[in-house]
Protein backbone atom coordinates (compact mmCIF):
# COMPACT_ATOMS: atom_id res chain seq x y z
CA MET A 1 112.93 135.19 98.58
CA VAL A 2 109.31 134.79 100.45
CA HIS A 3 107.32 131.91 99.03
CA ASN A 4 103.39 132.90 99.36
CA LYS A 5 102.27 129.37 99.65
CA ASP A 6 99.13 129.73 102.31
CA CYS A 7 96.77 131.10 99.67
CA ILE A 8 93.40 130.28 98.20
CA SER A 9 92.85 132.78 95.23
CA LYS A 10 89.66 131.00 94.18
CA ASP A 11 88.29 132.49 97.33
CA TYR A 12 87.96 135.98 96.14
CA SER A 13 86.63 134.94 92.66
CA ASN A 14 83.30 136.55 93.03
CA ILE A 15 84.45 139.73 93.70
CA LYS A 16 86.83 139.68 90.39
CA ASP A 17 84.56 142.33 88.63
CA ILE A 18 82.79 143.78 92.35
CA TYR A 19 85.02 146.92 94.03
CA ARG A 20 84.62 146.59 97.67
CA PRO A 21 83.89 149.31 99.93
CA SER A 22 86.71 151.38 101.21
CA HIS A 23 89.19 148.92 99.44
CA ALA A 24 91.92 150.03 97.09
CA ASP A 25 90.06 147.68 94.70
CA PHE A 26 88.44 151.06 92.80
CA THR A 27 91.31 153.84 93.04
CA TYR A 28 94.23 150.92 91.62
CA ASP A 29 91.58 149.97 88.83
CA LYS A 30 91.43 153.63 88.11
CA LYS A 31 95.25 154.29 88.28
CA TYR A 32 96.30 151.59 86.11
CA GLY A 33 93.26 149.61 84.45
CA PHE A 34 93.96 146.54 86.45
CA ARG A 35 93.86 145.67 89.97
CA ASP A 36 94.75 141.84 91.39
CA TYR A 37 91.51 141.15 93.16
CA ARG A 38 93.27 137.80 94.23
CA GLY A 39 94.08 139.25 97.58
CA GLY A 40 94.49 142.69 96.57
CA GLY A 41 97.97 142.39 94.66
CA ARG A 42 100.33 145.43 95.66
CA ALA A 43 97.62 147.11 98.16
CA SER A 44 97.99 143.66 99.80
CA ALA A 45 99.91 144.12 103.45
CA ARG A 46 102.15 140.57 102.16
CA GLU A 47 104.28 143.44 100.18
CA SER A 48 105.00 144.05 104.35
CA VAL A 49 107.23 140.93 104.47
CA ALA A 50 110.05 143.26 102.75
CA ARG A 51 109.93 145.96 104.87
CA VAL A 52 110.12 143.14 107.78
CA CYS A 53 113.50 142.03 106.54
CA ALA A 54 114.98 145.29 106.04
CA GLY A 55 113.37 146.33 109.58
CA ALA A 56 115.36 143.34 111.06
CA VAL A 57 118.88 144.45 109.77
CA ALA A 58 118.32 148.28 110.69
CA LYS A 59 117.18 146.79 114.19
CA LYS A 60 120.15 144.95 114.68
CA ILE A 61 122.52 147.80 113.87
CA LEU A 62 120.71 150.26 116.27
CA GLU A 63 121.04 147.74 118.73
CA GLU A 64 124.65 148.39 118.13
CA LEU A 65 124.41 152.12 119.22
CA GLY A 66 121.88 151.66 122.03
CA VAL A 67 118.65 152.12 120.40
CA ASN A 68 115.41 150.43 120.59
CA VAL A 69 112.11 150.85 118.32
CA LEU A 70 109.31 148.88 121.01
CA ALA A 71 105.46 148.66 119.24
CA TYR A 72 101.95 147.10 120.46
CA THR A 73 98.56 147.10 120.57
CA ALA A 74 97.22 149.72 122.63
CA SER A 75 93.60 149.34 121.24
CA VAL A 76 91.08 147.46 119.64
CA GLY A 77 88.30 149.58 118.91
CA LYS A 78 87.01 150.94 122.18
CA ILE A 79 88.94 148.45 124.61
CA LYS A 80 92.51 150.84 125.84
CA LEU A 81 94.89 149.49 128.17
CA ARG A 82 94.62 149.22 131.73
CA THR A 83 97.42 148.77 132.78
CA ILE A 84 101.07 148.10 130.69
CA ASP A 85 103.50 144.82 130.88
CA LEU A 86 105.98 144.72 128.33
CA SER A 87 106.97 141.56 129.21
CA TYR A 88 103.48 140.01 128.24
CA ILE A 89 103.18 141.62 124.69
CA ASP A 90 104.31 138.61 123.09
CA LYS A 91 102.53 136.09 125.28
CA ASN A 92 98.88 137.14 123.84
CA PRO A 93 97.99 136.87 119.92
CA LEU A 94 97.06 141.11 119.87
CA LYS A 95 100.36 141.91 120.80
CA MET A 96 98.99 144.12 123.85
CA PRO A 97 100.82 144.53 127.28
CA CYS A 98 98.08 143.69 129.56
CA LYS A 99 96.59 140.24 130.38
CA GLU A 100 93.54 141.53 131.51
CA THR A 101 92.57 144.12 128.37
CA SER A 102 94.22 141.37 125.86
CA LYS A 103 91.56 138.82 127.30
CA GLU A 104 88.53 141.18 127.26
CA ALA A 105 89.44 142.05 123.61
CA MET A 106 89.97 138.14 122.66
CA VAL A 107 86.01 137.82 124.05
CA PHE A 108 85.48 141.37 121.92
CA LEU A 109 86.70 139.63 118.79
CA ASP A 110 85.32 136.28 119.04
CA ASN A 111 81.67 137.51 118.69
CA LEU A 112 82.76 140.41 116.13
CA ILE A 113 83.83 137.17 113.37
CA LYS A 114 81.05 135.29 114.23
CA GLU A 115 78.84 138.41 113.00
CA GLY A 116 81.35 139.03 109.97
CA ASP A 117 82.40 142.44 110.72
CA SER A 118 85.87 144.42 111.54
CA ILE A 119 86.87 146.54 114.18
CA GLY A 120 89.36 149.67 113.99
CA GLY A 121 91.98 149.99 116.60
CA THR A 122 95.75 152.01 117.50
CA ALA A 123 99.24 150.78 117.83
CA TYR A 124 101.71 152.24 120.38
CA CYS A 125 105.84 152.60 119.14
CA GLU A 126 108.24 154.32 121.32
CA ILE A 127 112.13 154.81 120.29
CA SER A 128 114.36 154.85 123.54
CA GLY A 129 118.03 155.47 123.39
CA LEU A 130 118.25 158.00 120.27
CA LYS A 131 120.44 160.97 121.66
CA SER A 132 119.46 164.64 120.60
CA GLY A 133 119.69 166.34 117.59
CA ILE A 134 118.96 163.40 115.34
CA GLY A 135 116.56 164.96 112.43
CA GLU A 136 116.19 167.42 109.58
CA PRO A 137 114.58 171.00 109.51
CA VAL A 138 111.70 171.89 108.00
CA PHE A 139 111.06 169.38 105.32
CA GLU A 140 112.42 166.64 106.44
CA LYS A 141 111.67 166.71 110.02
CA LEU A 142 112.15 163.36 111.78
CA ASP A 143 108.52 163.50 112.64
CA ALA A 144 107.52 164.02 108.94
CA MET A 145 109.29 161.16 107.83
CA LEU A 146 108.39 158.78 110.53
CA SER A 147 104.62 160.07 109.77
CA LYS A 148 105.98 159.39 106.01
CA ALA A 149 107.21 155.86 106.78
CA ILE A 150 104.16 154.81 108.97
CA MET A 151 101.65 156.02 106.73
CA SER A 152 103.00 154.02 104.35
CA ILE A 153 101.79 150.94 105.67
CA ASN A 154 98.10 149.37 104.73
CA ALA A 155 94.95 150.42 106.77
CA THR A 156 97.09 153.69 108.92
CA LYS A 157 94.75 156.54 108.86
CA GLY A 158 96.83 158.21 111.39
CA VAL A 159 99.68 159.10 113.22
CA SER A 160 100.60 161.44 116.08
CA PHE A 161 103.50 162.41 118.42
CA GLY A 162 103.71 162.99 122.46
CA LEU A 163 99.91 164.02 123.22
CA GLY A 164 99.17 164.53 119.58
CA PHE A 165 95.43 166.51 119.29
CA LEU A 166 95.16 166.40 123.02
CA ALA A 167 98.14 169.46 122.85
CA SER A 168 95.32 171.64 120.55
CA GLU A 169 93.25 171.57 123.98
CA GLN A 170 96.55 172.89 126.35
CA LYS A 171 98.02 175.71 127.34
CA GLY A 172 101.12 176.58 126.51
CA SER A 173 102.04 176.37 130.53
CA GLN A 174 100.53 173.13 130.62
CA TYR A 175 101.89 171.62 127.28
CA ASN A 176 105.56 172.77 127.33
CA ASP A 177 108.12 170.49 128.43
CA ILE A 178 109.99 172.09 131.32
CA PHE A 179 114.43 171.18 130.31
CA TYR A 180 116.69 170.64 133.70
CA SER A 181 119.99 169.96 133.77
CA GLU A 182 121.37 166.89 136.00
CA ASN A 183 125.21 166.07 135.93
CA ASN A 184 125.89 167.41 132.76
CA ASN A 185 123.08 165.71 131.09
CA VAL A 186 119.56 167.78 129.89
CA TYR A 187 116.36 166.25 131.13
CA LYS A 188 112.46 167.12 130.52
CA LYS A 189 110.29 167.03 133.51
CA THR A 190 107.57 166.31 130.59
CA ASN A 191 107.30 164.54 127.43
CA ASN A 192 104.32 166.21 125.80
CA SER A 193 106.07 166.72 122.78
CA GLY A 194 106.92 163.13 122.45
CA GLY A 195 110.89 163.33 122.13
CA ILE A 196 110.41 165.69 118.55
CA LEU A 197 111.06 169.30 118.78
CA GLY A 198 111.66 171.60 115.45
CA GLY A 199 111.98 167.73 113.50
CA ILE A 200 114.93 166.91 115.65
CA SER A 201 115.30 164.35 118.36
CA ASP A 202 115.70 165.59 122.03
CA GLY A 203 117.44 162.72 123.22
CA SER A 204 114.32 161.47 125.54
CA LYS A 205 111.91 158.76 124.28
CA ILE A 206 110.25 159.95 121.05
CA THR A 207 106.91 158.51 121.11
CA ILE A 208 103.86 157.34 118.40
CA ASN A 209 100.33 156.66 118.46
CA ILE A 210 99.43 155.36 115.49
CA ALA A 211 95.87 154.60 114.22
CA PHE A 212 94.38 151.94 112.07
CA LYS A 213 90.80 151.48 110.69
CA PRO A 214 88.81 148.03 110.10
CA THR A 215 89.57 145.74 107.26
CA PRO A 216 87.19 146.45 104.90
CA SER A 217 87.09 142.54 103.72
CA ILE A 218 83.59 141.57 105.80
CA SER A 219 81.09 139.39 105.41
CA ILE A 220 78.59 141.03 106.12
CA PRO A 221 76.53 141.86 102.28
CA GLN A 222 77.31 145.71 101.93
CA ASP A 223 76.09 147.68 98.48
CA THR A 224 78.98 148.74 96.23
CA ILE A 225 79.02 149.17 92.37
CA ASN A 226 80.97 146.88 89.98
CA SER A 227 83.54 147.67 87.33
CA ASN A 228 80.73 148.66 84.45
CA LEU A 229 79.68 150.88 87.50
CA GLU A 230 76.80 148.85 88.02
CA ASN A 231 75.02 149.07 91.72
CA THR A 232 75.33 145.85 93.00
CA THR A 233 75.75 144.06 96.48
CA ILE A 234 78.87 141.90 97.79
CA LYS A 235 79.32 139.52 99.93
CA ILE A 236 82.72 138.82 100.84
CA LYS A 237 84.20 134.84 101.43
CA GLY A 238 87.18 133.52 102.56
CA ARG A 239 89.77 134.28 105.81
CA HIS A 240 89.35 137.71 106.80
CA ASP A 241 90.99 139.31 109.72
CA PRO A 242 88.65 140.92 112.05
CA PHE A 243 91.21 143.01 113.66
CA ILE A 244 94.66 143.91 111.98
CA VAL A 245 96.73 145.79 114.16
CA PRO A 246 98.76 143.06 115.73
CA ARG A 247 99.72 142.31 112.43
CA ALA A 248 100.88 145.79 111.68
CA ILE A 249 103.28 145.65 114.75
CA PRO A 250 106.37 144.33 113.20
CA ILE A 251 106.16 146.51 110.41
CA ILE A 252 105.66 149.63 112.25
CA GLU A 253 108.64 148.69 114.23
CA SER A 254 110.32 148.22 110.64
CA MET A 255 109.28 151.03 109.20
CA VAL A 256 110.43 153.18 112.03
CA ALA A 257 113.49 151.36 112.76
CA ILE A 258 114.81 151.91 108.61
CA THR A 259 113.95 155.83 109.37
CA ILE A 260 115.83 155.87 112.13
CA LEU A 261 118.70 154.38 110.76
CA ASP A 262 119.06 156.41 107.45
CA TYR A 263 118.98 159.48 109.72
CA ILE A 264 121.63 158.64 111.78
CA LEU A 265 123.54 157.89 108.76
CA ILE A 266 122.71 161.36 107.36
CA ASN A 267 123.56 162.61 110.64
CA MET A 268 127.30 161.79 110.11
CA THR A 269 127.75 164.17 107.54
CA LYS A 270 125.84 167.71 109.62
CA LYS A 271 129.83 168.92 110.38
CA ILE A 272 132.69 168.90 108.29
CA ASP A 273 134.57 167.63 111.36
CA CYS A 274 132.51 164.81 111.30
CA VAL A 275 133.09 163.83 107.92
CA LYS A 276 136.78 164.22 107.96
CA TYR A 277 136.73 161.71 111.15
CA ALA A 278 134.33 158.98 109.16
CA TYR A 279 136.71 159.64 106.52
CA GLU A 280 140.07 159.48 108.15
CA ASN A 281 139.25 156.47 110.44
CA PHE A 282 137.24 154.37 107.73
């Protein structure tokens, strides 16, 4: 049990009957006839603590199998990484692997806080050490299920693998990942596909790019409506993050780790020989 001790419900009293623009207030109310305005209820990222607890266990198991999941902040608005130093991820509050970029982003965010506004951004996640052959075809492809898991995280608006949408601009001769064999192992000269082919892992790193919208809770006055469908304005008080991607990093890693571990376990049933081996050696 994790007690939510850091909460100030009174900060939300002025929006009890008002829908925040681009927030789940409206849709939750229309579906259930009720919404928890004191922070968002189930629409709040507070619910993700359970995901991170489960993800911590999944990551421990994956470590035993030589599989690693790593995520970090890739951009803050239009501010993008200049270089990548993975050792710097945990040395700054933005979870960015670049000292110069994180400093620039912090200045930008400080000014944004003064303006009472928010900004979107992107995260990057990679899965390394995963063998080829993990995943299912057609309706439960590995990339489809990873997308589902990541899209279930609050404020996520887009998921792509490898080159993602940039693949739509390339010719097959540019995009195709060329296979080659070395010491009886299969490698690729590039990884434009992001490590998944036909919904199944190909043995190279699985690379995922995730887009997050700006948090809708801003202190700048906005036009909106209330629960009586009357036009009104809203100015949100209290503590609100101008940028939420760093908070999403451990949740991304957790959801990805849970999904990958599930598929590794499912893969134990791919052939009757595998089932027999697991059963006979249990």
